C-alpha atoms as a PDB file:
ATOM      1  CA  UNK A   1       0.000   0.000   0.000  1.00  0.00           C
ATOM      2  CA  UNK A   2       1.161   3.537  -0.744  1.00  0.00           C
ATOM      3  CA  UNK A   3       2.318   5.846   2.002  1.00  0.00           C
ATOM      4  CA  UNK A   4      -0.610   7.827   3.366  1.00  0.00           C
ATOM      5  CA  UNK A   5       1.217  11.073   2.596  1.00  0.00           C
ATOM      6  CA  UNK A   6       1.055  10.149  -1.102  1.00  0.00           C
ATOM      7  CA  UNK A   7      -2.745   9.786  -1.137  1.00  0.00           C
ATOM      8  CA  UNK A   8      -4.615  12.645  -2.809  1.00  0.00           C
ATOM      9  CA  UNK A   9      -7.143  12.712   0.041  1.00  0.00           C
ATOM     10  CA  UNK A  10      -4.351  13.221   2.569  1.00  0.00           C
ATOM     11  CA  UNK A  11      -2.740  15.981   0.506  1.00  0.00           C
ATOM     12  CA  UNK A  12      -6.048  17.792  -0.012  1.00  0.00           C
ATOM     13  CA  UNK A  13      -7.140  17.496   3.611  1.00  0.00           C
ATOM     14  CA  UNK A  14      -3.753  18.763   4.810  1.00  0.00           C
ATOM     15  CA  UNK A  15      -3.977  21.761   2.462  1.00  0.00           C
ATOM     16  CA  UNK A  16      -7.522  22.444   3.667  1.00  0.00           C
ATOM     17  CA  UNK A  17      -6.417  22.298   7.313  1.00  0.00           C
ATOM     18  CA  UNK A  18      -3.843  24.990   6.527  1.00  0.00           C
ATOM     19  CA  UNK A  19      -6.548  27.049   4.788  1.00  0.00           C
ATOM     20  CA  UNK A  20      -8.850  26.742   7.822  1.00  0.00           C
ATOM     21  CA  UNK A  21      -6.047  27.940  10.116  1.00  0.00           C
ATOM     22  CA  UNK A  22      -5.547  30.967   7.882  1.00  0.00           C
ATOM     23  CA  UNK A  23      -9.294  31.622   7.549  1.00  0.00           C
ATOM     24  CA  UNK A  24      -9.937  31.538  11.293  1.00  0.00           C
ATOM     25  CA  UNK A  25      -7.244  34.147  11.983  1.00  0.00           C
ATOM     26  CA  UNK A  26      -9.867  36.763  11.041  1.00  0.00           C
ATOM     27  CA  UNK A  27     -12.619  35.493  13.354  1.00  0.00           C
ATOM     28  CA  UNK A  28     -13.723  37.622  16.321  1.00  0.00           C
ATOM     29  CA  UNK A  29     -11.503  37.333  19.402  1.00  0.00           C
ATOM     30  CA  UNK A  30     -14.401  35.988  21.500  1.00  0.00           C
ATOM     31  CA  UNK A  31     -14.382  32.863  19.297  1.00  0.00           C
ATOM     32  CA  UNK A  32     -10.791  32.004  20.251  1.00  0.00           C
ATOM     33  CA  UNK A  33     -11.842  29.154  22.542  1.00  0.00           C
ATOM     34  CA  UNK A  34     -15.051  28.384  20.666  1.00  0.00           C
ATOM     35  CA  UNK A  35     -15.406  28.178  16.921  1.00  0.00           C
ATOM     36  CA  UNK A  36     -11.768  28.937  16.116  1.00  0.00           C
ATOM     37  CA  UNK A  37     -10.480  26.117  18.276  1.00  0.00           C
ATOM     38  CA  UNK A  38     -13.199  23.659  17.298  1.00  0.00           C
ATOM     39  CA  UNK A  39     -12.972  24.378  13.584  1.00  0.00           C
ATOM     40  CA  UNK A  40      -9.193  24.046  13.558  1.00  0.00           C
ATOM     41  CA  UNK A  41      -9.332  20.763  15.492  1.00  0.00           C
ATOM     42  CA  UNK A  42     -11.924  19.316  13.119  1.00  0.00           C
ATOM     43  CA  UNK A  43      -9.890  20.433  10.078  1.00  0.00           C
ATOM     44  CA  UNK A  44      -6.630  18.850  11.200  1.00  0.00           C
ATOM     45  CA  UNK A  45      -8.459  15.803  12.516  1.00  0.00           C
ATOM     46  CA  UNK A  46      -9.035  14.651   8.930  1.00  0.00           C
ATOM     47  CA  UNK A  47      -5.375  14.177   7.900  1.00  0.00           C
ATOM     48  CA  UNK A  48      -4.388  13.275  11.469  1.00  0.00           C
ATOM     49  CA  UNK A  49      -6.818  10.344  11.554  1.00  0.00           C
ATOM     50  CA  UNK A  50      -5.693   9.225   8.115  1.00  0.00           C
ATOM     51  CA  UNK A  51      -2.103   9.183   9.340  1.00  0.00           C
ATOM     52  CA  UNK A  52      -2.948   7.361  12.549  1.00  0.00           C
ATOM     53  CA  UNK A  53      -5.131   4.809  10.782  1.00  0.00           C
ATOM     54  CA  UNK A  54      -2.453   4.082   8.200  1.00  0.00           C
ATOM     55  CA  UNK A  55      -0.068   3.234  11.020  1.00  0.00           C
ATOM     56  CA  UNK A  56      -2.415   0.716  12.632  1.00  0.00           C
ATOM     57  CA  UNK A  57      -1.879  -2.996  12.291  1.00  0.00           C
ATOM     58  CA  UNK A  58      -4.925  -3.951  10.239  1.00  0.00           C
ATOM     59  CA  UNK A  59      -7.006  -2.576   7.412  1.00  0.00           C
ATOM     60  CA  UNK A  60     -10.056  -2.887   9.696  1.00  0.00           C
ATOM     61  CA  UNK A  61      -8.469  -0.455  12.158  1.00  0.00           C
ATOM     62  CA  UNK A  62      -7.392   1.819   9.298  1.00  0.00           C
ATOM     63  CA  UNK A  63     -10.968   1.836   7.962  1.00  0.00           C
ATOM     64  CA  UNK A  64     -12.261   2.875  11.393  1.00  0.00           C
ATOM     65  CA  UNK A  65      -9.961   5.914  11.388  1.00  0.00           C
ATOM     66  CA  UNK A  66     -11.041   6.788   7.838  1.00  0.00           C
ATOM     67  CA  UNK A  67     -14.598   6.855   9.202  1.00  0.00           C
ATOM     68  CA  UNK A  68     -13.551   9.212  11.976  1.00  0.00           C
ATOM     69  CA  UNK A  69     -11.838  11.441   9.391  1.00  0.00           C
ATOM     70  CA  UNK A  70     -15.044  11.477   7.335  1.00  0.00           C
ATOM     71  CA  UNK A  71     -16.988  12.578  10.414  1.00  0.00           C
ATOM     72  CA  UNK A  72     -14.534  15.412  10.988  1.00  0.00           C
ATOM     73  CA  UNK A  73     -14.903  16.527   7.360  1.00  0.00           C
ATOM     74  CA  UNK A  74     -18.665  16.671   7.916  1.00  0.00           C
ATOM     75  CA  UNK A  75     -18.108  18.703  11.058  1.00  0.00           C
ATOM     76  CA  UNK A  76     -16.074  21.268   9.104  1.00  0.00           C
ATOM     77  CA  UNK A  77     -18.800  21.444   6.447  1.00  0.00           C
ATOM     78  CA  UNK A  78     -21.307  22.477   9.108  1.00  0.00           C
ATOM     79  CA  UNK A  79     -18.861  24.905  10.705  1.00  0.00           C
ATOM     80  CA  UNK A  80     -18.384  26.563   7.318  1.00  0.00           C
ATOM     81  CA  UNK A  81     -22.156  26.951   6.956  1.00  0.00           C
ATOM     82  CA  UNK A  82     -22.437  28.355  10.477  1.00  0.00           C
ATOM     83  CA  UNK A  83     -19.561  30.805  10.089  1.00  0.00           C
ATOM     84  CA  UNK A  84     -20.962  31.982   6.756  1.00  0.00           C
ATOM     85  CA  UNK A  85     -24.356  32.625   8.327  1.00  0.00           C
ATOM     86  CA  UNK A  86     -22.692  34.410  11.266  1.00  0.00           C
ATOM     87  CA  UNK A  87     -20.910  36.580   8.658  1.00  0.00           C
ATOM     88  CA  UNK A  88     -17.446  35.460   9.861  1.00  0.00           C
ATOM     89  CA  UNK A  89     -16.656  34.326   6.317  1.00  0.00           C
ATOM     90  CA  UNK A  90     -17.890  35.566   2.984  1.00  0.00           C
ATOM     91  CA  UNK A  91     -20.124  33.708   0.562  1.00  0.00           C
ATOM     92  CA  UNK A  92     -17.086  33.407  -1.710  1.00  0.00           C
ATOM     93  CA  UNK A  93     -14.970  31.798   0.997  1.00  0.00           C
ATOM     94  CA  UNK A  94     -17.806  29.392   1.760  1.00  0.00           C
ATOM     95  CA  UNK A  95     -18.322  28.578  -1.928  1.00  0.00           C
ATOM     96  CA  UNK A  96     -14.604  27.913  -2.287  1.00  0.00           C
ATOM     97  CA  UNK A  97     -14.155  25.628   0.738  1.00  0.00           C
ATOM     98  CA  UNK A  98     -17.443  23.750   1.009  1.00  0.00           C
ATOM     99  CA  UNK A  99     -17.080  21.811  -2.281  1.00  0.00           C
ATOM    100  CA  UNK A 100     -13.509  20.911  -1.354  1.00  0.00           C
ATOM    101  CA  UNK A 101     -14.717  19.330   1.880  1.00  0.00           C
ATOM    102  CA  UNK A 102     -17.440  17.535  -0.073  1.00  0.00           C
ATOM    103  CA  UNK A 103     -14.715  16.147  -2.325  1.00  0.00           C
ATOM    104  CA  UNK A 104     -12.677  15.035   0.696  1.00  0.00           C
ATOM    105  CA  UNK A 105     -15.747  13.269   2.067  1.00  0.00           C
ATOM    106  CA  UNK A 106     -16.281  11.435  -1.225  1.00  0.00           C
ATOM    107  CA  UNK A 107     -12.614  10.470  -1.396  1.00  0.00           C
ATOM    108  CA  UNK A 108     -12.787   9.119   2.158  1.00  0.00           C
ATOM    109  CA  UNK A 109     -15.804   7.007   1.235  1.00  0.00           C
ATOM    110  CA  UNK A 110     -13.852   5.484  -1.648  1.00  0.00           C
ATOM    111  CA  UNK A 111     -10.827   4.887   0.593  1.00  0.00           C
ATOM    112  CA  UNK A 112     -13.001   3.171   3.211  1.00  0.00           C
ATOM    113  CA  UNK A 113     -14.518   0.901   0.538  1.00  0.00           C
ATOM    114  CA  UNK A 114     -11.040  -0.032  -0.689  1.00  0.00           C
ATOM    115  CA  UNK A 115     -10.175  -1.174   2.839  1.00  0.00           C
ATOM    116  CA  UNK A 116     -13.129  -3.579   3.147  1.00  0.00           C
END
């Protein structure tokens, strides 16, 4: 099996985590321990769980971590919707990031199926 770092889903989710860190720098200060922290954790949870799962001993364990990563991607999708509606991000920022997280979710589904 290829190194997890070589998988397109890992590369994309890592890039998106960096984008979320940059995006949340402009959030209101009162969100420092709320949405900023939670959104960043969910964003880096995707590639982090892929990395951890890939280093487990069985494909069954790996698949479980892919499922956790998929859940985190869904969490970020909602956080993007919420922050757009709170006017913390623009419609353009939302329209740019939301489809990318949808793509990550689809890629994770395919990865999970390949591990069955």
